[in-house]
Amino acid sequence: AEYSIEFLQSLHEKSPSIIAKDDDLIVGYALVALKSIRDQHELLA
């Protein structure tokens, strides 16, 4: 799945996702998707 910055922001506003950082570099992530965003992306729906 390819998510836009706007969609990532929408996910974050509902429930922040988990990230792994090495200094300032994002080296991993686990996106939190709640039922309330289900219709905002076709694959997630």
ModelCIF file with pLDDT and N, C-alpha, C, O atoms, coordinates in Angstrom:
data_MODEL
#
_entry.id   MODEL 
#
_entity.id                         1 
_entity.type                       polymer 
_entity.pdbx_number_of_molecules   1 
#
_entity_poly.entity_id                      1 
_entity_poly.type                           'polypeptide(L)' 
_entity_poly.nstd_linkage                   no 
_entity_poly.nstd_monomer                   no 
_entity_poly.pdbx_seq_one_letter_code       AEYSIEFLQSLHEKSPSIIAKDDDLIVGYALVALKSIRDQHELLA 
_entity_poly.pdbx_seq_one_letter_code_can   AEYSIEFLQSLHEKSPSIIAKDDDLIVGYALVALKSIRDQHELLA 
_entity_poly.pdbx_strand_id                 A 
#
loop_
_entity_poly_seq.entity_id 
_entity_poly_seq.num 
_entity_poly_seq.mon_id 
_entity_poly_seq.hetero 
1 1  ALA n 
1 2  GLU n 
1 3  TYR n 
1 4  SER n 
1 5  ILE n 
1 6  GLU n 
1 7  PHE n 
1 8  LEU n 
1 9  GLN n 
1 10 SER n 
1 11 LEU n 
1 12 HIS n 
1 13 GLU n 
1 14 LYS n 
1 15 SER n 
1 16 PRO n 
1 17 SER n 
1 18 ILE n 
1 19 ILE n 
1 20 ALA n 
1 21 LYS n 
1 22 ASP n 
1 23 ASP n 
1 24 ASP n 
1 25 LEU n 
1 26 ILE n 
1 27 VAL n 
1 28 GLY n 
1 29 TYR n 
1 30 ALA n 
1 31 LEU n 
1 32 VAL n 
1 33 ALA n 
1 34 LEU n 
1 35 LYS n 
1 36 SER n 
1 37 ILE n 
1 38 ARG n 
1 39 ASP n 
1 40 GLN n 
1 41 HIS n 
1 42 GLU n 
1 43 LEU n 
1 44 LEU n 
1 45 ALA n 
#
_struct_asym.id          A 
_struct_asym.entity_id   1 
#
loop_
_ma_qa_metric.id 
_ma_qa_metric.mode 
_ma_qa_metric.name 
_ma_qa_metric.software_group_id 
_ma_qa_metric.type 
1 global pLDDT . pLDDT 
2 local  pLDDT . pLDDT 
#
_ma_qa_metric_global.metric_id      1 
_ma_qa_metric_global.metric_value   91.38 
_ma_qa_metric_global.model_id       1 
_ma_qa_metric_global.ordinal_id     1 
#
loop_
_ma_qa_metric_local.label_asym_id 
_ma_qa_metric_local.label_comp_id 
_ma_qa_metric_local.label_seq_id 
_ma_qa_metric_local.metric_id 
_ma_qa_metric_local.metric_value 
_ma_qa_metric_local.model_id 
_ma_qa_metric_local.ordinal_id 
A ALA 1  2 75.00 1 1  
A GLU 2  2 81.00 1 2  
A TYR 3  2 88.00 1 3  
A SER 4  2 92.00 1 4  
A ILE 5  2 94.00 1 5  
A GLU 6  2 95.00 1 6  
A PHE 7  2 93.00 1 7  
A LEU 8  2 94.00 1 8  
A GLN 9  2 94.00 1 9  
A SER 10 2 93.00 1 10 
A LEU 11 2 91.00 1 11 
A HIS 12 2 92.00 1 12 
A GLU 13 2 94.00 1 13 
A LYS 14 2 94.00 1 14 
A SER 15 2 93.00 1 15 
A PRO 16 2 95.00 1 16 
A SER 17 2 94.00 1 17 
A ILE 18 2 96.00 1 18 
A ILE 19 2 96.00 1 19 
A ALA 20 2 95.00 1 20 
A LYS 21 2 95.00 1 21 
A ASP 22 2 92.00 1 22 
A ASP 23 2 88.00 1 23 
A ASP 24 2 89.00 1 24 
A LEU 25 2 93.00 1 25 
A ILE 26 2 93.00 1 26 
A VAL 27 2 94.00 1 27 
A GLY 28 2 93.00 1 28 
A TYR 29 2 92.00 1 29 
A ALA 30 2 94.00 1 30 
A LEU 31 2 93.00 1 31 
A VAL 32 2 94.00 1 32 
A ALA 33 2 94.00 1 33 
A LEU 34 2 95.00 1 34 
A LYS 35 2 93.00 1 35 
A SER 36 2 93.00 1 36 
A ILE 37 2 90.00 1 37 
A ARG 38 2 88.00 1 38 
A ASP 39 2 88.00 1 39 
A GLN 40 2 90.00 1 40 
A HIS 41 2 85.00 1 41 
A GLU 42 2 86.00 1 42 
A LEU 43 2 83.00 1 43 
A LEU 44 2 88.00 1 44 
A ALA 45 2 90.00 1 45 
#
loop_
_atom_site.group_PDB 
_atom_site.id 
_atom_site.type_symbol 
_atom_site.label_atom_id 
_atom_site.label_alt_id 
_atom_site.label_comp_id 
_atom_site.label_asym_id 
_atom_site.label_entity_id 
_atom_site.label_seq_id 
_atom_site.pdbx_PDB_ins_code 
_atom_site.Cartn_x 
_atom_site.Cartn_y 
_atom_site.Cartn_z 
_atom_site.occupancy 
_atom_site.B_iso_or_equiv 
_atom_site.pdbx_formal_charge 
_atom_site.auth_seq_id 
_atom_site.auth_comp_id 
_atom_site.auth_asym_id 
_atom_site.auth_atom_id 
_atom_site.pdbx_PDB_model_num 
ATOM 1   N N  . ALA A 1 1  ? 0.841   -1.205 0.000  1.00 75.00 ? 1  ALA A N  1 
ATOM 2   C CA . ALA A 1 1  ? 0.000   0.000  0.000  1.00 75.00 ? 1  ALA A CA 1 
ATOM 3   C C  . ALA A 1 1  ? 0.869   1.245  0.000  1.00 75.00 ? 1  ALA A C  1 
ATOM 4   O O  . ALA A 1 1  ? 1.856   1.343  0.730  1.00 75.00 ? 1  ALA A O  1 
ATOM 5   N N  . GLU A 1 2  ? 0.476   2.193  -0.838 1.00 81.00 ? 2  GLU A N  1 
ATOM 6   C CA . GLU A 1 2  ? 1.160   3.478  -0.894 1.00 81.00 ? 2  GLU A CA 1 
ATOM 7   C C  . GLU A 1 2  ? 0.252   4.521  -0.244 1.00 81.00 ? 2  GLU A C  1 
ATOM 8   O O  . GLU A 1 2  ? -0.871  4.751  -0.692 1.00 81.00 ? 2  GLU A O  1 
ATOM 9   N N  . TYR A 1 3  ? 0.756   5.143  0.811  1.00 88.00 ? 3  TYR A N  1 
ATOM 10  C CA . TYR A 1 3  ? -0.016  6.120  1.556  1.00 88.00 ? 3  TYR A CA 1 
ATOM 11  C C  . TYR A 1 3  ? 0.570   7.518  1.345  1.00 88.00 ? 3  TYR A C  1 
ATOM 12  O O  . TYR A 1 3  ? 1.787   7.698  1.366  1.00 88.00 ? 3  TYR A O  1 
ATOM 13  N N  . SER A 1 4  ? -0.287  8.483  1.146  1.00 92.00 ? 4  SER A N  1 
ATOM 14  C CA . SER A 1 4  ? 0.149   9.880  1.008  1.00 92.00 ? 4  SER A CA 1 
ATOM 15  C C  . SER A 1 4  ? 0.467   10.456 2.392  1.00 92.00 ? 4  SER A C  1 
ATOM 16  O O  . SER A 1 4  ? 0.057   9.914  3.419  1.00 92.00 ? 4  SER A O  1 
ATOM 17  N N  . ILE A 1 5  ? 1.195   11.549 2.391  1.00 94.00 ? 5  ILE A N  1 
ATOM 18  C CA . ILE A 1 5  ? 1.467   12.254 3.648  1.00 94.00 ? 5  ILE A CA 1 
ATOM 19  C C  . ILE A 1 5  ? 0.149   12.659 4.310  1.00 94.00 ? 5  ILE A C  1 
ATOM 20  O O  . ILE A 1 5  ? 0.015   12.585 5.531  1.00 94.00 ? 5  ILE A O  1 
ATOM 21  N N  . GLU A 1 6  ? -0.819  13.084 3.503  1.00 95.00 ? 6  GLU A N  1 
ATOM 22  C CA . GLU A 1 6  ? -2.113  13.500 4.053  1.00 95.00 ? 6  GLU A CA 1 
ATOM 23  C C  . GLU A 1 6  ? -2.815  12.331 4.752  1.00 95.00 ? 6  GLU A C  1 
ATOM 24  O O  . GLU A 1 6  ? -3.415  12.506 5.812  1.00 95.00 ? 6  GLU A O  1 
ATOM 25  N N  . PHE A 1 7  ? -2.737  11.141 4.151  1.00 93.00 ? 7  PHE A N  1 
ATOM 26  C CA . PHE A 1 7  ? -3.353  9.981  4.783  1.00 93.00 ? 7  PHE A CA 1 
ATOM 27  C C  . PHE A 1 7  ? -2.597  9.596  6.058  1.00 93.00 ? 7  PHE A C  1 
ATOM 28  O O  . PHE A 1 7  ? -3.217  9.258  7.067  1.00 93.00 ? 7  PHE A O  1 
ATOM 29  N N  . LEU A 1 8  ? -1.276  9.644  6.017  1.00 94.00 ? 8  LEU A N  1 
ATOM 30  C CA . LEU A 1 8  ? -0.482  9.355  7.216  1.00 94.00 ? 8  LEU A CA 1 
ATOM 31  C C  . LEU A 1 8  ? -0.843  10.337 8.339  1.00 94.00 ? 8  LEU A C  1 
ATOM 32  O O  . LEU A 1 8  ? -0.923  9.947  9.504  1.00 94.00 ? 8  LEU A O  1 
ATOM 33  N N  . GLN A 1 9  ? -1.057  11.600 7.989  1.00 94.00 ? 9  GLN A N  1 
ATOM 34  C CA . GLN A 1 9  ? -1.459  12.605 8.975  1.00 94.00 ? 9  GLN A CA 1 
ATOM 35  C C  . GLN A 1 9  ? -2.826  12.252 9.566  1.00 94.00 ? 9  GLN A C  1 
ATOM 36  O O  . GLN A 1 9  ? -3.045  12.395 10.769 1.00 94.00 ? 9  GLN A O  1 
ATOM 37  N N  . SER A 1 10 ? -3.738  11.792 8.712  1.00 93.00 ? 10 SER A N  1 
ATOM 38  C CA . SER A 1 10 ? -5.071  11.388 9.171  1.00 93.00 ? 10 SER A CA 1 
ATOM 39  C C  . SER A 1 10 ? -4.973  10.208 10.144 1.00 93.00 ? 10 SER A C  1 
ATOM 40  O O  . SER A 1 10 ? -5.639  10.203 11.179 1.00 93.00 ? 10 SER A O  1 
ATOM 41  N N  . LEU A 1 11 ? -4.147  9.212  9.817  1.00 91.00 ? 11 LEU A N  1 
ATOM 42  C CA . LEU A 1 11 ? -3.924  8.085  10.733 1.00 91.00 ? 11 LEU A CA 1 
ATOM 43  C C  . LEU A 1 11 ? -3.396  8.596  12.068 1.00 91.00 ? 11 LEU A C  1 
ATOM 44  O O  . LEU A 1 11 ? -3.890  8.223  13.132 1.00 91.00 ? 11 LEU A O  1 
ATOM 45  N N  . HIS A 1 12 ? -2.386  9.453  11.990 1.00 92.00 ? 12 HIS A N  1 
ATOM 46  C CA . HIS A 1 12 ? -1.719  9.986  13.183 1.00 92.00 ? 12 HIS A CA 1 
ATOM 47  C C  . HIS A 1 12 ? -2.691  10.765 14.069 1.00 92.00 ? 12 HIS A C  1 
ATOM 48  O O  . HIS A 1 12 ? -2.625  10.672 15.295 1.00 92.00 ? 12 HIS A O  1 
ATOM 49  N N  . GLU A 1 13 ? -3.584  11.524 13.458 1.00 94.00 ? 13 GLU A N  1 
ATOM 50  C CA . GLU A 1 13 ? -4.542  12.307 14.244 1.00 94.00 ? 13 GLU A CA 1 
ATOM 51  C C  . GLU A 1 13 ? -5.488  11.411 15.033 1.00 94.00 ? 13 GLU A C  1 
ATOM 52  O O  . GLU A 1 13 ? -5.922  11.789 16.121 1.00 94.00 ? 13 GLU A O  1 
ATOM 53  N N  . LYS A 1 14 ? -5.818  10.230 14.509 1.00 94.00 ? 14 LYS A N  1 
ATOM 54  C CA . LYS A 1 14 ? -6.704  9.289  15.217 1.00 94.00 ? 14 LYS A CA 1 
ATOM 55  C C  . LYS A 1 14 ? -5.952  8.539  16.310 1.00 94.00 ? 14 LYS A C  1 
ATOM 56  O O  . LYS A 1 14 ? -6.461  8.362  17.417 1.00 94.00 ? 14 LYS A O  1 
ATOM 57  N N  . SER A 1 15 ? -4.732  8.098  15.989 1.00 93.00 ? 15 SER A N  1 
ATOM 58  C CA . SER A 1 15 ? -3.897  7.379  16.949 1.00 93.00 ? 15 SER A CA 1 
ATOM 59  C C  . SER A 1 15 ? -2.478  7.336  16.394 1.00 93.00 ? 15 SER A C  1 
ATOM 60  O O  . SER A 1 15 ? -2.243  6.729  15.350 1.00 93.00 ? 15 SER A O  1 
ATOM 61  N N  . PRO A 1 16 ? -1.529  7.971  17.079 1.00 95.00 ? 16 PRO A N  1 
ATOM 62  C CA . PRO A 1 16 ? -0.159  8.011  16.554 1.00 95.00 ? 16 PRO A CA 1 
ATOM 63  C C  . PRO A 1 16 ? 0.419   6.616  16.340 1.00 95.00 ? 16 PRO A C  1 
ATOM 64  O O  . PRO A 1 16 ? 0.176   5.691  17.116 1.00 95.00 ? 16 PRO A O  1 
ATOM 65  N N  . SER A 1 17 ? 1.187   6.498  15.269 1.00 94.00 ? 17 SER A N  1 
ATOM 66  C CA . SER A 1 17 ? 1.833   5.232  14.950 1.00 94.00 ? 17 SER A CA 1 
ATOM 67  C C  . SER A 1 17 ? 3.132   5.078  15.727 1.00 94.00 ? 17 SER A C  1 
ATOM 68  O O  . SER A 1 17 ? 3.632   6.024  16.337 1.00 94.00 ? 17 SER A O  1 
ATOM 69  N N  . ILE A 1 18 ? 3.657   3.875  15.689 1.00 96.00 ? 18 ILE A N  1 
ATOM 70  C CA . ILE A 1 18 ? 4.891   3.544  16.392 1.00 96.00 ? 18 ILE A CA 1 
ATOM 71  C C  . ILE A 1 18 ? 6.034   3.621  15.387 1.00 96.00 ? 18 ILE A C  1 
ATOM 72  O O  . ILE A 1 18 ? 5.917   3.141  14.259 1.00 96.00 ? 18 ILE A O  1 
ATOM 73  N N  . ILE A 1 19 ? 7.138   4.229  15.809 1.00 96.00 ? 19 ILE A N  1 
ATOM 74  C CA . ILE A 1 19 ? 8.309   4.324  14.948 1.00 96.00 ? 19 ILE A CA 1 
ATOM 75  C C  . ILE A 1 19 ? 9.556   3.871  15.692 1.00 96.00 ? 19 ILE A C  1 
ATOM 76  O O  . ILE A 1 19 ? 9.621   3.903  16.920 1.00 96.00 ? 19 ILE A O  1 
ATOM 77  N N  . ALA A 1 20 ? 10.536  3.452  14.914 1.00 95.00 ? 20 ALA A N  1 
ATOM 78  C CA . ALA A 1 20 ? 11.885  3.200  15.414 1.00 95.00 ? 20 ALA A CA 1 
ATOM 79  C C  . ALA A 1 20 ? 12.768  4.268  14.786 1.00 95.00 ? 20 ALA A C  1 
ATOM 80  O O  . ALA A 1 20 ? 12.767  4.456  13.570 1.00 95.00 ? 20 ALA A O  1 
ATOM 81  N N  . LYS A 1 21 ? 13.522  4.964  15.632 1.00 95.00 ? 21 LYS A N  1 
ATOM 82  C CA . LYS A 1 21 ? 14.407  6.027  15.151 1.00 95.00 ? 21 LYS A CA 1 
ATOM 83  C C  . LYS A 1 21 ? 15.839  5.712  15.534 1.00 95.00 ? 21 LYS A C  1 
ATOM 84  O O  . LYS A 1 21 ? 16.108  5.194  16.618 1.00 95.00 ? 21 LYS A O  1 
ATOM 85  N N  . ASP A 1 22 ? 16.743  6.028  14.642 1.00 92.00 ? 22 ASP A N  1 
ATOM 86  C CA . ASP A 1 22 ? 18.174  5.996  14.918 1.00 92.00 ? 22 ASP A CA 1 
ATOM 87  C C  . ASP A 1 22 ? 18.627  7.441  14.756 1.00 92.00 ? 22 ASP A C  1 
ATOM 88  O O  . ASP A 1 22 ? 18.767  7.927  13.633 1.00 92.00 ? 22 ASP A O  1 
ATOM 89  N N  . ASP A 1 23 ? 18.856  8.121  15.861 1.00 88.00 ? 23 ASP A N  1 
ATOM 90  C CA . ASP A 1 23 ? 19.026  9.572  15.883 1.00 88.00 ? 23 ASP A CA 1 
ATOM 91  C C  . ASP A 1 23 ? 17.777  10.190 15.251 1.00 88.00 ? 23 ASP A C  1 
ATOM 92  O O  . ASP A 1 23 ? 16.680  10.011 15.781 1.00 88.00 ? 23 ASP A O  1 
ATOM 93  N N  . ASP A 1 24 ? 17.911  10.909 14.138 1.00 89.00 ? 24 ASP A N  1 
ATOM 94  C CA . ASP A 1 24 ? 16.736  11.532 13.516 1.00 89.00 ? 24 ASP A CA 1 
ATOM 95  C C  . ASP A 1 24 ? 16.178  10.719 12.352 1.00 89.00 ? 24 ASP A C  1 
ATOM 96  O O  . ASP A 1 24 ? 15.203  11.132 11.726 1.00 89.00 ? 24 ASP A O  1 
ATOM 97  N N  . LEU A 1 25 ? 16.773  9.586  12.060 1.00 93.00 ? 25 LEU A N  1 
ATOM 98  C CA . LEU A 1 25 ? 16.367  8.767  10.918 1.00 93.00 ? 25 LEU A CA 1 
ATOM 99  C C  . LEU A 1 25 ? 15.292  7.758  11.320 1.00 93.00 ? 25 LEU A C  1 
ATOM 100 O O  . LEU A 1 25 ? 15.470  7.007  12.280 1.00 93.00 ? 25 LEU A O  1 
ATOM 101 N N  . ILE A 1 26 ? 14.174  7.741  10.583 1.00 93.00 ? 26 ILE A N  1 
ATOM 102 C CA . ILE A 1 26 ? 13.132  6.730  10.799 1.00 93.00 ? 26 ILE A CA 1 
ATOM 103 C C  . ILE A 1 26 ? 13.632  5.432  10.174 1.00 93.00 ? 26 ILE A C  1 
ATOM 104 O O  . ILE A 1 26 ? 13.863  5.369  8.967  1.00 93.00 ? 26 ILE A O  1 
ATOM 105 N N  . VAL A 1 27 ? 13.799  4.394  10.998 1.00 94.00 ? 27 VAL A N  1 
ATOM 106 C CA . VAL A 1 27 ? 14.327  3.112  10.513 1.00 94.00 ? 27 VAL A CA 1 
ATOM 107 C C  . VAL A 1 27 ? 13.287  1.997  10.595 1.00 94.00 ? 27 VAL A C  1 
ATOM 108 O O  . VAL A 1 27 ? 13.552  0.864  10.193 1.00 94.00 ? 27 VAL A O  1 
ATOM 109 N N  . GLY A 1 28 ? 12.110  2.318  11.115 1.00 93.00 ? 28 GLY A N  1 
ATOM 110 C CA . GLY A 1 28 ? 11.034  1.342  11.172 1.00 93.00 ? 28 GLY A CA 1 
ATOM 111 C C  . GLY A 1 28 ? 9.750   2.021  11.593 1.00 93.00 ? 28 GLY A C  1 
ATOM 112 O O  . GLY A 1 28 ? 9.765   3.063  12.249 1.00 93.00 ? 28 GLY A O  1 
ATOM 113 N N  . TYR A 1 29 ? 8.627   1.412  11.203 1.00 92.00 ? 29 TYR A N  1 
ATOM 114 C CA . TYR A 1 29 ? 7.337   1.937  11.634 1.00 92.00 ? 29 TYR A CA 1 
ATOM 115 C C  . TYR A 1 29 ? 6.287   0.837  11.627 1.00 92.00 ? 29 TYR A C  1 
ATOM 116 O O  . TYR A 1 29 ? 6.377   -0.139 10.882 1.00 92.00 ? 29 TYR A O  1 
ATOM 117 N N  . ALA A 1 30 ? 5.284   1.028  12.486 1.00 94.00 ? 30 ALA A N  1 
ATOM 118 C CA . ALA A 1 30 ? 4.086   0.194  12.527 1.00 94.00 ? 30 ALA A CA 1 
ATOM 119 C C  . ALA A 1 30 ? 2.910   1.161  12.597 1.00 94.00 ? 30 ALA A C  1 
ATOM 120 O O  . ALA A 1 30 ? 2.696   1.815  13.618 1.00 94.00 ? 30 ALA A O  1 
ATOM 121 N N  . LEU A 1 31 ? 2.151   1.249  11.508 1.00 93.00 ? 31 LEU A N  1 
ATOM 122 C CA . LEU A 1 31 ? 1.058   2.210  11.422 1.00 93.00 ? 31 LEU A CA 1 
ATOM 123 C C  . LEU A 1 31 ? -0.177  1.703  12.158 1.00 93.00 ? 31 LEU A C  1 
ATOM 124 O O  . LEU A 1 31 ? -0.601  0.564  11.967 1.00 93.00 ? 31 LEU A O  1 
ATOM 125 N N  . VAL A 1 32 ? -0.744  2.554  12.994 1.00 94.00 ? 32 VAL A N  1 
ATOM 126 C CA . VAL A 1 32 ? -1.954  2.242  13.746 1.00 94.00 ? 32 VAL A CA 1 
ATOM 127 C C  . VAL A 1 32 ? -3.159  2.674  12.906 1.00 94.00 ? 32 VAL A C  1 
ATOM 128 O O  . VAL A 1 32 ? -3.303  3.854  12.586 1.00 94.00 ? 32 VAL A O  1 
ATOM 129 N N  . ALA A 1 33 ? -4.019  1.723  12.552 1.00 94.00 ? 33 ALA A N  1 
ATOM 130 C CA . ALA A 1 33 ? -5.220  2.016  11.761 1.00 94.00 ? 33 ALA A CA 1 
ATOM 131 C C  . ALA A 1 33 ? -6.461  1.637  12.564 1.00 94.00 ? 33 ALA A C  1 
ATOM 132 O O  . ALA A 1 33 ? -6.677  0.468  12.884 1.00 94.00 ? 33 ALA A O  1 
ATOM 133 N N  . LEU A 1 34 ? -7.259  2.629  12.880 1.00 95.00 ? 34 LEU A N  1 
ATOM 134 C CA . LEU A 1 34 ? -8.492  2.417  13.633 1.00 95.00 ? 34 LEU A CA 1 
ATOM 135 C C  . LEU A 1 34 ? -9.672  2.252  12.684 1.00 95.00 ? 34 LEU A C  1 
ATOM 136 O O  . LEU A 1 34 ? -9.610  2.664  11.526 1.00 95.00 ? 34 LEU A O  1 
ATOM 137 N N  . LYS A 1 35 ? -10.740 1.649  13.180 1.00 93.00 ? 35 LYS A N  1 
ATOM 138 C CA . LYS A 1 35 ? -11.949 1.443  12.365 1.00 93.00 ? 35 LYS A CA 1 
ATOM 139 C C  . LYS A 1 35 ? -12.457 2.750  11.765 1.00 93.00 ? 35 LYS A C  1 
ATOM 140 O O  . LYS A 1 35 ? -13.018 2.746  10.669 1.00 93.00 ? 35 LYS A O  1 
ATOM 141 N N  . SER A 1 36 ? -12.272 3.852  12.455 1.00 93.00 ? 36 SER A N  1 
ATOM 142 C CA . SER A 1 36 ? -12.797 5.137  11.997 1.00 93.00 ? 36 SER A CA 1 
ATOM 143 C C  . SER A 1 36 ? -12.148 5.644  10.708 1.00 93.00 ? 36 SER A C  1 
ATOM 144 O O  . SER A 1 36 ? -12.686 6.556  10.079 1.00 93.00 ? 36 SER A O  1 
ATOM 145 N N  . ILE A 1 37 ? -11.013 5.084  10.298 1.00 90.00 ? 37 ILE A N  1 
ATOM 146 C CA . ILE A 1 37 ? -10.368 5.519  9.052  1.00 90.00 ? 37 ILE A CA 1 
ATOM 147 C C  . ILE A 1 37 ? -10.589 4.533  7.913  1.00 90.00 ? 37 ILE A C  1 
ATOM 148 O O  . ILE A 1 37 ? -10.066 4.723  6.816  1.00 90.00 ? 37 ILE A O  1 
ATOM 149 N N  . ARG A 1 38 ? -11.342 3.508  8.163  1.00 88.00 ? 38 ARG A N  1 
ATOM 150 C CA . ARG A 1 38 ? -11.471 2.386  7.228  1.00 88.00 ? 38 ARG A CA 1 
ATOM 151 C C  . ARG A 1 38 ? -11.821 2.795  5.812  1.00 88.00 ? 38 ARG A C  1 
ATOM 152 O O  . ARG A 1 38 ? -11.356 2.151  4.872  1.00 88.00 ? 38 ARG A O  1 
ATOM 153 N N  . ASP A 1 39 ? -12.609 3.823  5.617  1.00 88.00 ? 39 ASP A N  1 
ATOM 154 C CA . ASP A 1 39 ? -13.052 4.192  4.277  1.00 88.00 ? 39 ASP A CA 1 
ATOM 155 C C  . ASP A 1 39 ? -12.176 5.254  3.616  1.00 88.00 ? 39 ASP A C  1 
ATOM 156 O O  . ASP A 1 39 ? -12.519 5.767  2.551  1.00 88.00 ? 39 ASP A O  1 
ATOM 157 N N  . GLN A 1 40 ? -11.060 5.582  4.237  1.00 90.00 ? 40 GLN A N  1 
ATOM 158 C CA . GLN A 1 40 ? -10.183 6.608  3.676  1.00 90.00 ? 40 GLN A CA 1 
ATOM 159 C C  . GLN A 1 40 ? -9.124  6.046  2.726  1.00 90.00 ? 40 GLN A C  1 
ATOM 160 O O  . GLN A 1 40 ? -8.408  6.810  2.079  1.00 90.00 ? 40 GLN A O  1 
ATOM 161 N N  . HIS A 1 41 ? -9.018  4.723  2.638  1.00 85.00 ? 41 HIS A N  1 
ATOM 162 C CA . HIS A 1 41 ? -8.059  4.090  1.732  1.00 85.00 ? 41 HIS A CA 1 
ATOM 163 C C  . HIS A 1 41 ? -8.644  2.756  1.271  1.00 85.00 ? 41 HIS A C  1 
ATOM 164 O O  . HIS A 1 41 ? -9.080  1.945  2.088  1.00 85.00 ? 41 HIS A O  1 
ATOM 165 N N  . GLU A 1 42 ? -8.650  2.538  -0.037 1.00 86.00 ? 42 GLU A N  1 
ATOM 166 C CA . GLU A 1 42 ? -9.305  1.361  -0.613 1.00 86.00 ? 42 GLU A CA 1 
ATOM 167 C C  . GLU A 1 42 ? -8.776  0.039  -0.056 1.00 86.00 ? 42 GLU A C  1 
ATOM 168 O O  . GLU A 1 42 ? -9.564  -0.842 0.289  1.00 86.00 ? 42 GLU A O  1 
ATOM 169 N N  . LEU A 1 43 ? -7.457  -0.110 0.035  1.00 83.00 ? 43 LEU A N  1 
ATOM 170 C CA . LEU A 1 43 ? -6.900  -1.371 0.549  1.00 83.00 ? 43 LEU A CA 1 
ATOM 171 C C  . LEU A 1 43 ? -7.293  -1.605 2.002  1.00 83.00 ? 43 LEU A C  1 
ATOM 172 O O  . LEU A 1 43 ? -7.633  -2.725 2.383  1.00 83.00 ? 43 LEU A O  1 
ATOM 173 N N  . LEU A 1 44 ? -7.247  -0.553 2.811  1.00 88.00 ? 44 LEU A N  1 
ATOM 174 C CA . LEU A 1 44 ? -7.639  -0.711 4.217  1.00 88.00 ? 44 LEU A CA 1 
ATOM 175 C C  . LEU A 1 44 ? -9.121  -0.994 4.352  1.00 88.00 ? 44 LEU A C  1 
ATOM 176 O O  . LEU A 1 44 ? -9.527  -1.775 5.212  1.00 88.00 ? 44 LEU A O  1 
ATOM 177 N N  . ALA A 1 45 ? -9.932  -0.373 3.517  1.00 90.00 ? 45 ALA A N  1 
ATOM 178 C CA . ALA A 1 45 ? -11.380 -0.635 3.554  1.00 90.00 ? 45 ALA A CA 1 
ATOM 179 C C  . ALA A 1 45 ? -11.654 -2.112 3.289  1.00 90.00 ? 45 ALA A C  1 
ATOM 180 O O  . ALA A 1 45 ? -12.811 -2.533 3.278  1.00 90.00 ? 45 ALA A O  1 
#
